[in-house]
Amino acid sequence: MSNSGIPDPAPAVNDNFELPTGGEVRVIVRPLHDLSLARVVEDALANTEGVNEASLRELRGDSATIDTKVDEGVSLISSLRRKLPVAFDVTESSSDSVTIALAQPMGGRESGVAAPTGL
């Protein structure tokens, strides 16, 4: 809870996900409606504290795969939410990979979480 007594918003991550916390982590962006966003995600990862390397490995269909090397103990998702200029949701995750879905279109960003659809 915040100091005002209002409950803090829950993170947009499913409780059943195992989030990567370091090492070699594969970041998959799916669906990818605009290929240029693959480079935007890669650049954000490369400029994220605790990420030592980010390299676009593959563009296939409507997805992009980016290989990263992350310092142990770094929360890649939290760090990426601060750097990426596009809101996203985590759709799948394991100890060595995370799949994110970017908000479409690029408007509607609120605190790094994709805006609700169907409004």
Protein backbone atom coordinates (compact mmCIF):
# COMPACT_ATOMS: atom_id res chain seq x y z
CA MET A 1 0.00 0.00 0.00
CA SER A 2 1.11 3.53 -0.66
CA ASN A 3 1.32 6.18 2.05
CA SER A 4 -2.10 7.50 1.03
CA GLY A 5 -3.74 4.18 1.97
CA ILE A 6 -4.51 3.33 -1.65
CA PRO A 7 -3.38 -0.17 -2.65
CA ASP A 8 -0.45 -0.21 -5.06
CA PRO A 9 -1.40 -1.45 -8.54
CA ALA A 10 -0.54 -5.07 -9.22
CA PRO A 11 2.18 -5.68 -11.81
CA ALA A 12 1.03 -6.81 -15.24
CA VAL A 13 2.77 -10.18 -14.88
CA ASN A 14 0.98 -13.48 -14.35
CA ASP A 15 1.79 -14.97 -10.92
CA ASN A 16 2.58 -18.32 -12.56
CA PHE A 17 5.45 -16.87 -14.60
CA GLU A 18 9.03 -17.59 -13.66
CA LEU A 19 10.85 -14.37 -14.46
CA PRO A 20 14.48 -14.42 -15.62
CA THR A 21 16.87 -12.88 -13.10
CA GLY A 22 20.18 -13.03 -14.93
CA GLY A 23 22.40 -14.94 -17.31
CA GLU A 24 21.58 -15.50 -20.97
CA VAL A 25 17.97 -14.48 -21.55
CA ARG A 26 16.05 -14.72 -24.81
CA VAL A 27 13.53 -11.90 -25.29
CA ILE A 28 10.79 -12.69 -27.80
CA VAL A 29 8.56 -9.91 -29.10
CA ARG A 30 5.26 -11.31 -30.41
CA PRO A 31 3.17 -10.18 -32.16
CA LEU A 32 5.40 -7.73 -33.99
CA HIS A 33 3.19 -5.52 -36.15
CA ASP A 34 6.00 -3.14 -37.11
CA LEU A 35 9.46 -4.55 -37.83
CA SER A 36 11.14 -1.30 -36.77
CA LEU A 37 9.95 -1.97 -33.20
CA ALA A 38 12.36 -4.92 -33.01
CA ARG A 39 15.25 -2.43 -33.11
CA VAL A 40 13.49 -0.19 -30.59
CA VAL A 41 13.30 -3.11 -28.14
CA GLU A 42 16.90 -4.14 -28.90
CA ASP A 43 18.12 -0.57 -28.28
CA ALA A 44 16.16 -0.30 -25.03
CA LEU A 45 17.65 -3.59 -23.84
CA ALA A 46 21.17 -2.50 -24.82
CA ASN A 47 20.71 0.70 -22.80
CA THR A 48 19.24 -1.04 -19.74
CA GLU A 49 21.39 -1.11 -16.62
CA GLY A 50 22.52 -4.66 -15.90
CA VAL A 51 22.19 -5.81 -19.52
CA ASN A 52 25.67 -6.45 -20.89
CA GLU A 53 24.66 -7.44 -24.40
CA ALA A 54 21.56 -7.33 -26.58
CA SER A 55 21.58 -8.71 -30.11
CA LEU A 56 18.70 -9.18 -32.55
CA ARG A 57 19.00 -12.84 -33.53
CA GLU A 58 15.94 -13.48 -35.64
CA LEU A 59 12.95 -11.92 -37.37
CA ARG A 60 10.39 -14.54 -38.29
CA GLY A 61 6.79 -13.96 -39.27
CA ASP A 62 5.29 -11.67 -36.64
CA SER A 63 8.01 -12.12 -34.03
CA ALA A 64 11.54 -11.05 -33.18
CA THR A 65 14.05 -12.83 -30.96
CA ILE A 66 16.70 -10.83 -29.10
CA ASP A 67 19.50 -12.56 -27.20
CA THR A 68 20.67 -10.79 -24.05
CA LYS A 69 23.26 -11.29 -21.33
CA VAL A 70 21.96 -9.99 -18.01
CA ASP A 71 23.75 -9.53 -14.69
CA GLU A 72 22.58 -11.90 -11.94
CA GLY A 73 19.83 -10.45 -9.78
CA VAL A 74 18.71 -7.90 -12.39
CA SER A 75 14.96 -7.80 -12.97
CA LEU A 76 14.92 -7.58 -16.75
CA ILE A 77 11.18 -6.84 -16.96
CA SER A 78 11.25 -4.00 -14.42
CA SER A 79 14.33 -2.50 -16.04
CA LEU A 80 12.86 -2.78 -19.54
CA ARG A 81 9.63 -1.08 -18.41
CA ARG A 82 11.71 1.98 -17.44
CA LYS A 83 13.62 2.12 -20.75
CA LEU A 84 11.24 0.97 -23.47
CA PRO A 85 9.15 3.84 -24.92
CA VAL A 86 6.38 1.37 -25.80
CA ALA A 87 4.12 -0.26 -23.22
CA PHE A 88 4.10 -4.07 -23.11
CA ASP A 89 2.65 -7.08 -21.35
CA VAL A 90 4.49 -10.28 -20.48
CA THR A 91 2.70 -13.19 -22.16
CA GLU A 92 5.13 -16.04 -21.41
CA SER A 93 8.21 -16.43 -19.25
CA SER A 94 10.72 -18.97 -17.94
CA SER A 95 14.10 -18.83 -16.22
CA ASP A 96 15.86 -18.14 -19.55
CA SER A 97 13.28 -16.45 -21.78
CA VAL A 98 10.48 -13.93 -21.74
CA THR A 99 7.86 -13.18 -24.39
CA ILE A 100 6.39 -9.69 -24.51
CA ALA A 101 3.49 -8.23 -26.48
CA LEU A 102 3.90 -4.56 -27.36
CA ALA A 103 0.94 -2.22 -27.09
CA GLN A 104 -0.55 -1.47 -30.49
CA PRO A 105 -0.56 1.29 -31.59
CA MET A 106 2.22 3.13 -29.75
CA GLY A 107 -0.17 5.42 -27.82
CA GLY A 108 -1.82 4.69 -24.49
CA ARG A 109 1.24 4.09 -22.34
CA GLU A 110 0.57 4.22 -18.61
CA SER A 111 3.42 3.25 -16.28
CA GLY A 112 4.94 0.78 -18.72
CA VAL A 113 1.80 -1.36 -18.89
CA ALA A 114 -0.16 -1.77 -22.11
CA ALA A 115 -3.43 0.16 -22.17
CA PRO A 116 -6.59 -1.93 -21.88
CA THR A 117 -8.17 -2.85 -25.18
CA GLY A 118 -11.80 -2.59 -26.17
CA LEU A 119 -12.46 0.82 -24.66
